[in-house]
Amino acid sequence: MRILSLLPAVALGFAALALAQPVAAQCRLCVAPTATPETDSTIPVKLEVETNLDFDRLVLAGVGAGSATLGPDGSRQTSGAVMSIGGRAMAGTVTVRGEPGRAVRIGLPQSISLFGTSGGEVRIDSIRSDLPTLPRIGANGMLSFRFGGELHLAGTVDGDFRGDFQVDVDYL
């Protein structure tokens, strides 16, 4: 019983001492901070492309400009000289692996240039993903997302087109 009655008195004594002393904050301009940043992690971020963004084959109605849009959800839309998108077209899928529960910043390009095997160039822009506003790695250490974009054609283009792009992933 004595121990229980002494503990509240000791705690009140420390509180009174703390209130009587002036409060000082660390000067961030004068010395290096003593706190360690929360961004340090022992688990590095890894990025894996599960499926490539693939527009498959486009059916064109003659010569002219047109576009084909493939959404992150697999939705398809065409305009201009593009009549339809092939049945095997698919949105790209990326999996990020890292520290469970950590918030991440994911940077996708604004456009991608694709180059044909026989020359020529087409552009994919309006890159969109199904990422939430503030993406976070799940409890299982993974975050998967899908992405799509709008492919623009102009003039007489024909052939297979391929291109690469960069995805940036950083812990917040």
C-alpha atoms as a PDB file:
ATOM      1  CA  MET A   1       0.000   0.000   0.000  1.00  0.00           C
ATOM      2  CA  ARG A   2       2.789   2.453   0.752  1.00  0.00           C
ATOM      3  CA  ILE A   3       4.227   2.060  -2.732  1.00  0.00           C
ATOM      4  CA  LEU A   4       0.881   2.949  -4.308  1.00  0.00           C
ATOM      5  CA  SER A   5       0.542   6.095  -2.204  1.00  0.00           C
ATOM      6  CA  LEU A   6       4.118   7.242  -2.948  1.00  0.00           C
ATOM      7  CA  LEU A   7       3.891   6.917  -6.722  1.00  0.00           C
ATOM      8  CA  PRO A   8       1.243   9.626  -7.157  1.00  0.00           C
ATOM      9  CA  ALA A   9       3.208  11.981  -4.913  1.00  0.00           C
ATOM     10  CA  VAL A  10       6.430  11.399  -6.851  1.00  0.00           C
ATOM     11  CA  ALA A  11       4.658  11.924 -10.171  1.00  0.00           C
ATOM     12  CA  LEU A  12       3.114  15.190  -8.930  1.00  0.00           C
ATOM     13  CA  GLY A  13       6.530  16.342  -7.721  1.00  0.00           C
ATOM     14  CA  PHE A  14       8.076  15.845 -11.156  1.00  0.00           C
ATOM     15  CA  ALA A  15       5.173  17.629 -12.818  1.00  0.00           C
ATOM     16  CA  ALA A  16       5.614  20.640 -10.530  1.00  0.00           C
ATOM     17  CA  LEU A  17       9.350  20.766 -11.297  1.00  0.00           C
ATOM     18  CA  ALA A  18       8.697  20.585 -15.022  1.00  0.00           C
ATOM     19  CA  LEU A  19       6.176  23.444 -14.914  1.00  0.00           C
ATOM     20  CA  ALA A  20       8.509  25.672 -12.911  1.00  0.00           C
ATOM     21  CA  GLN A  21      11.347  25.416 -15.465  1.00  0.00           C
ATOM     22  CA  PRO A  22      11.384  27.436 -18.715  1.00  0.00           C
ATOM     23  CA  VAL A  23      10.485  25.522 -21.860  1.00  0.00           C
ATOM     24  CA  ALA A  24      13.048  25.581 -24.688  1.00  0.00           C
ATOM     25  CA  ALA A  25      12.764  24.157 -28.179  1.00  0.00           C
ATOM     26  CA  GLN A  26      15.700  22.914 -30.209  1.00  0.00           C
ATOM     27  CA  CYS A  27      17.014  25.554 -32.625  1.00  0.00           C
ATOM     28  CA  ARG A  28      16.791  23.964 -36.056  1.00  0.00           C
ATOM     29  CA  LEU A  29      19.013  26.636 -37.610  1.00  0.00           C
ATOM     30  CA  CYS A  30      21.801  26.405 -34.999  1.00  0.00           C
ATOM     31  CA  VAL A  31      22.529  22.698 -34.654  1.00  0.00           C
ATOM     32  CA  ALA A  32      21.780  19.486 -36.455  1.00  0.00           C
ATOM     33  CA  PRO A  33      18.503  17.871 -35.356  1.00  0.00           C
ATOM     34  CA  THR A  34      18.870  15.083 -32.828  1.00  0.00           C
ATOM     35  CA  ALA A  35      15.735  13.217 -33.912  1.00  0.00           C
ATOM     36  CA  THR A  36      16.109  10.478 -36.476  1.00  0.00           C
ATOM     37  CA  PRO A  37      13.933  10.835 -39.575  1.00  0.00           C
ATOM     38  CA  GLU A  38      11.069   8.385 -39.975  1.00  0.00           C
ATOM     39  CA  THR A  39      11.961   7.811 -43.623  1.00  0.00           C
ATOM     40  CA  ASP A  40      14.770   5.380 -42.794  1.00  0.00           C
ATOM     41  CA  SER A  41      13.745   1.867 -43.665  1.00  0.00           C
ATOM     42  CA  THR A  42      15.457  -1.464 -43.639  1.00  0.00           C
ATOM     43  CA  ILE A  43      13.203  -2.775 -46.418  1.00  0.00           C
ATOM     44  CA  PRO A  44      14.042  -1.270 -49.817  1.00  0.00           C
ATOM     45  CA  VAL A  45      11.321  -0.449 -52.323  1.00  0.00           C
ATOM     46  CA  LYS A  46      11.102  -2.844 -55.282  1.00  0.00           C
ATOM     47  CA  LEU A  47       9.015  -2.364 -58.398  1.00  0.00           C
ATOM     48  CA  GLU A  48       7.831  -5.182 -60.662  1.00  0.00           C
ATOM     49  CA  VAL A  49       5.942  -4.806 -63.935  1.00  0.00           C
ATOM     50  CA  GLU A  50       3.367  -7.606 -63.926  1.00  0.00           C
ATOM     51  CA  THR A  51       1.762  -6.798 -67.297  1.00  0.00           C
ATOM     52  CA  ASN A  52       2.734  -4.312 -69.987  1.00  0.00           C
ATOM     53  CA  LEU A  53       0.371  -1.669 -71.295  1.00  0.00           C
ATOM     54  CA  ASP A  54      -0.705  -3.222 -74.605  1.00  0.00           C
ATOM     55  CA  PHE A  55      -3.099  -1.745 -77.153  1.00  0.00           C
ATOM     56  CA  ASP A  56      -2.954  -5.017 -79.158  1.00  0.00           C
ATOM     57  CA  ARG A  57      -4.117  -4.163 -82.697  1.00  0.00           C
ATOM     58  CA  LEU A  58      -5.938  -1.055 -83.817  1.00  0.00           C
ATOM     59  CA  VAL A  59      -8.387  -1.124 -86.727  1.00  0.00           C
ATOM     60  CA  LEU A  60      -8.094   2.064 -88.762  1.00  0.00           C
ATOM     61  CA  ALA A  61     -10.693   3.529 -91.118  1.00  0.00           C
ATOM     62  CA  GLY A  62      -8.382   5.009 -93.710  1.00  0.00           C
ATOM     63  CA  VAL A  63      -5.659   7.605 -93.322  1.00  0.00           C
ATOM     64  CA  GLY A  64      -5.915  10.371 -90.760  1.00  0.00           C
ATOM     65  CA  ALA A  65      -5.581  11.289 -87.133  1.00  0.00           C
ATOM     66  CA  GLY A  66      -7.210   9.280 -84.394  1.00  0.00           C
ATOM     67  CA  SER A  67      -6.822   8.033 -80.868  1.00  0.00           C
ATOM     68  CA  ALA A  68      -7.402   4.935 -78.784  1.00  0.00           C
ATOM     69  CA  THR A  69      -7.862   5.161 -75.018  1.00  0.00           C
ATOM     70  CA  LEU A  70      -7.316   2.254 -72.667  1.00  0.00           C
ATOM     71  CA  GLY A  71      -8.282   3.007 -69.048  1.00  0.00           C
ATOM     72  CA  PRO A  72      -6.743   1.491 -65.919  1.00  0.00           C
ATOM     73  CA  ASP A  73      -9.979  -0.471 -65.476  1.00  0.00           C
ATOM     74  CA  GLY A  74      -9.687  -1.932 -68.995  1.00  0.00           C
ATOM     75  CA  SER A  75     -12.276   0.413 -70.529  1.00  0.00           C
ATOM     76  CA  ARG A  76     -11.761   1.271 -74.202  1.00  0.00           C
ATOM     77  CA  GLN A  77     -12.626   4.261 -76.318  1.00  0.00           C
ATOM     78  CA  THR A  78     -11.724   5.279 -79.877  1.00  0.00           C
ATOM     79  CA  SER A  79     -12.016   8.442 -81.946  1.00  0.00           C
ATOM     80  CA  GLY A  80     -11.141   9.744 -85.419  1.00  0.00           C
ATOM     81  CA  ALA A  81      -9.592   7.227 -87.805  1.00  0.00           C
ATOM     82  CA  VAL A  82      -9.333   4.519 -85.110  1.00  0.00           C
ATOM     83  CA  MET A  83     -12.375   2.256 -85.362  1.00  0.00           C
ATOM     84  CA  SER A  84     -11.613  -0.352 -82.694  1.00  0.00           C
ATOM     85  CA  ILE A  85      -9.046  -1.756 -80.270  1.00  0.00           C
ATOM     86  CA  GLY A  86      -8.069  -5.444 -80.420  1.00  0.00           C
ATOM     87  CA  GLY A  87      -9.566  -7.930 -77.979  1.00  0.00           C
ATOM     88  CA  ARG A  88      -6.257  -8.719 -76.252  1.00  0.00           C
ATOM     89  CA  ALA A  89      -5.510  -5.124 -75.272  1.00  0.00           C
ATOM     90  CA  MET A  90      -4.791  -4.716 -71.572  1.00  0.00           C
ATOM     91  CA  ALA A  91      -3.896  -2.072 -69.026  1.00  0.00           C
ATOM     92  CA  GLY A  92      -0.460  -2.251 -67.443  1.00  0.00           C
ATOM     93  CA  THR A  93      -0.085  -3.641 -63.932  1.00  0.00           C
ATOM     94  CA  VAL A  94       2.714  -2.756 -61.518  1.00  0.00           C
ATOM     95  CA  THR A  95       3.417  -4.182 -58.058  1.00  0.00           C
ATOM     96  CA  VAL A  96       5.433  -2.236 -55.504  1.00  0.00           C
ATOM     97  CA  ARG A  97       6.987  -4.210 -52.651  1.00  0.00           C
ATOM     98  CA  GLY A  98       8.311  -2.601 -49.503  1.00  0.00           C
ATOM     99  CA  GLU A  99       7.782  -1.885 -45.835  1.00  0.00           C
ATOM    100  CA  PRO A 100       4.192  -2.739 -44.793  1.00  0.00           C
ATOM    101  CA  GLY A 101       2.046   0.290 -44.015  1.00  0.00           C
ATOM    102  CA  ARG A 102       4.447   2.858 -45.462  1.00  0.00           C
ATOM    103  CA  ALA A 103       3.121   5.699 -47.593  1.00  0.00           C
ATOM    104  CA  VAL A 104       4.754   6.014 -51.008  1.00  0.00           C
ATOM    105  CA  ARG A 105       4.948   8.550 -53.797  1.00  0.00           C
ATOM    106  CA  ILE A 106       4.601   7.036 -57.247  1.00  0.00           C
ATOM    107  CA  GLY A 107       5.557   9.111 -60.269  1.00  0.00           C
ATOM    108  CA  LEU A 108       4.268   8.085 -63.683  1.00  0.00           C
ATOM    109  CA  PRO A 109       5.367   9.820 -66.891  1.00  0.00           C
ATOM    110  CA  GLN A 110       3.038  12.284 -68.587  1.00  0.00           C
ATOM    111  CA  SER A 111       3.689  10.730 -71.985  1.00  0.00           C
ATOM    112  CA  ILE A 112       5.449   7.775 -73.586  1.00  0.00           C
ATOM    113  CA  SER A 113       6.970   7.703 -77.074  1.00  0.00           C
ATOM    114  CA  LEU A 114       6.721   4.421 -78.973  1.00  0.00           C
ATOM    115  CA  PHE A 115       8.949   3.711 -81.963  1.00  0.00           C
ATOM    116  CA  GLY A 116       8.108   1.407 -84.876  1.00  0.00           C
ATOM    117  CA  THR A 117      10.311  -1.388 -86.156  1.00  0.00           C
ATOM    118  CA  SER A 118      10.091   0.101 -89.666  1.00  0.00           C
ATOM    119  CA  GLY A 119      10.381   3.699 -88.481  1.00  0.00           C
ATOM    120  CA  GLY A 120       7.678   6.042 -87.304  1.00  0.00           C
ATOM    121  CA  GLU A 121       6.599   7.164 -83.885  1.00  0.00           C
ATOM    122  CA  VAL A 122       3.348   7.271 -81.915  1.00  0.00           C
ATOM    123  CA  ARG A 123       2.679   8.826 -78.527  1.00  0.00           C
ATOM    124  CA  ILE A 124       0.752   7.709 -75.460  1.00  0.00           C
ATOM    125  CA  ASP A 125      -0.271  10.527 -73.149  1.00  0.00           C
ATOM    126  CA  SER A 126      -2.868  11.203 -70.466  1.00  0.00           C
ATOM    127  CA  ILE A 127      -1.348   8.360 -68.430  1.00  0.00           C
ATOM    128  CA  ARG A 128      -3.786   7.477 -65.632  1.00  0.00           C
ATOM    129  CA  SER A 129      -3.697   4.928 -62.835  1.00  0.00           C
ATOM    130  CA  ASP A 130      -6.112   3.503 -60.291  1.00  0.00           C
ATOM    131  CA  LEU A 131      -3.869   4.547 -57.382  1.00  0.00           C
ATOM    132  CA  PRO A 132      -5.534   6.229 -54.410  1.00  0.00           C
ATOM    133  CA  THR A 133      -4.642   9.861 -53.698  1.00  0.00           C
ATOM    134  CA  LEU A 134      -2.252   8.817 -50.910  1.00  0.00           C
ATOM    135  CA  PRO A 135      -0.948   5.343 -51.825  1.00  0.00           C
ATOM    136  CA  ARG A 136       0.254   3.112 -49.013  1.00  0.00           C
ATOM    137  CA  ILE A 137       1.916  -0.310 -49.086  1.00  0.00           C
ATOM    138  CA  GLY A 138      -0.445  -2.934 -47.691  1.00  0.00           C
ATOM    139  CA  ALA A 139       0.016  -5.073 -44.597  1.00  0.00           C
ATOM    140  CA  ASN A 140       1.314  -7.846 -46.879  1.00  0.00           C
ATOM    141  CA  GLY A 141       4.171  -5.584 -48.084  1.00  0.00           C
ATOM    142  CA  MET A 142       2.640  -5.047 -51.544  1.00  0.00           C
ATOM    143  CA  LEU A 143       0.807  -2.341 -53.452  1.00  0.00           C
ATOM    144  CA  SER A 144      -0.517  -3.176 -56.923  1.00  0.00           C
ATOM    145  CA  PHE A 145      -1.948  -0.695 -59.386  1.00  0.00           C
ATOM    146  CA  ARG A 146      -3.061  -0.571 -63.000  1.00  0.00           C
ATOM    147  CA  PHE A 147      -2.469   2.169 -65.535  1.00  0.00           C
ATOM    148  CA  GLY A 148      -3.589   3.129 -69.013  1.00  0.00           C
ATOM    149  CA  GLY A 149      -3.432   6.049 -71.394  1.00  0.00           C
ATOM    150  CA  GLU A 150      -4.429   7.584 -74.714  1.00  0.00           C
ATOM    151  CA  LEU A 151      -2.571   6.536 -77.889  1.00  0.00           C
ATOM    152  CA  HIS A 152      -2.482   9.190 -80.630  1.00  0.00           C
ATOM    153  CA  LEU A 153      -2.010   8.404 -84.309  1.00  0.00           C
ATOM    154  CA  ALA A 154      -1.454  10.855 -87.148  1.00  0.00           C
ATOM    155  CA  GLY A 155      -1.038  10.154 -90.848  1.00  0.00           C
ATOM    156  CA  THR A 156      -0.103   6.745 -92.193  1.00  0.00           C
ATOM    157  CA  VAL A 157       1.338   4.658 -89.391  1.00  0.00           C
ATOM    158  CA  ASP A 158       1.802   0.927 -89.642  1.00  0.00           C
ATOM    159  CA  GLY A 159       3.785  -1.726 -87.795  1.00  0.00           C
ATOM    160  CA  ASP A 160       4.717  -2.786 -84.303  1.00  0.00           C
ATOM    161  CA  PHE A 161       5.558   0.005 -81.876  1.00  0.00           C
ATOM    162  CA  ARG A 162       7.444  -0.377 -78.609  1.00  0.00           C
ATOM    163  CA  GLY A 163       8.771   1.929 -75.931  1.00  0.00           C
ATOM    164  CA  ASP A 164      10.036   2.142 -72.388  1.00  0.00           C
ATOM    165  CA  PHE A 165       9.228   4.518 -69.586  1.00  0.00           C
ATOM    166  CA  GLN A 166      10.264   5.176 -66.021  1.00  0.00           C
ATOM    167  CA  VAL A 167       8.157   4.804 -62.872  1.00  0.00           C
ATOM    168  CA  ASP A 168       9.538   6.477 -59.731  1.00  0.00           C
ATOM    169  CA  VAL A 169       8.663   5.107 -56.275  1.00  0.00           C
ATOM    170  CA  ASP A 170       9.782   6.739 -53.031  1.00  0.00           C
ATOM    171  CA  TYR A 171       8.885   6.271 -49.391  1.00  0.00           C
ATOM    172  CA  LEU A 172       7.273   9.325 -47.816  1.00  0.00           C
END
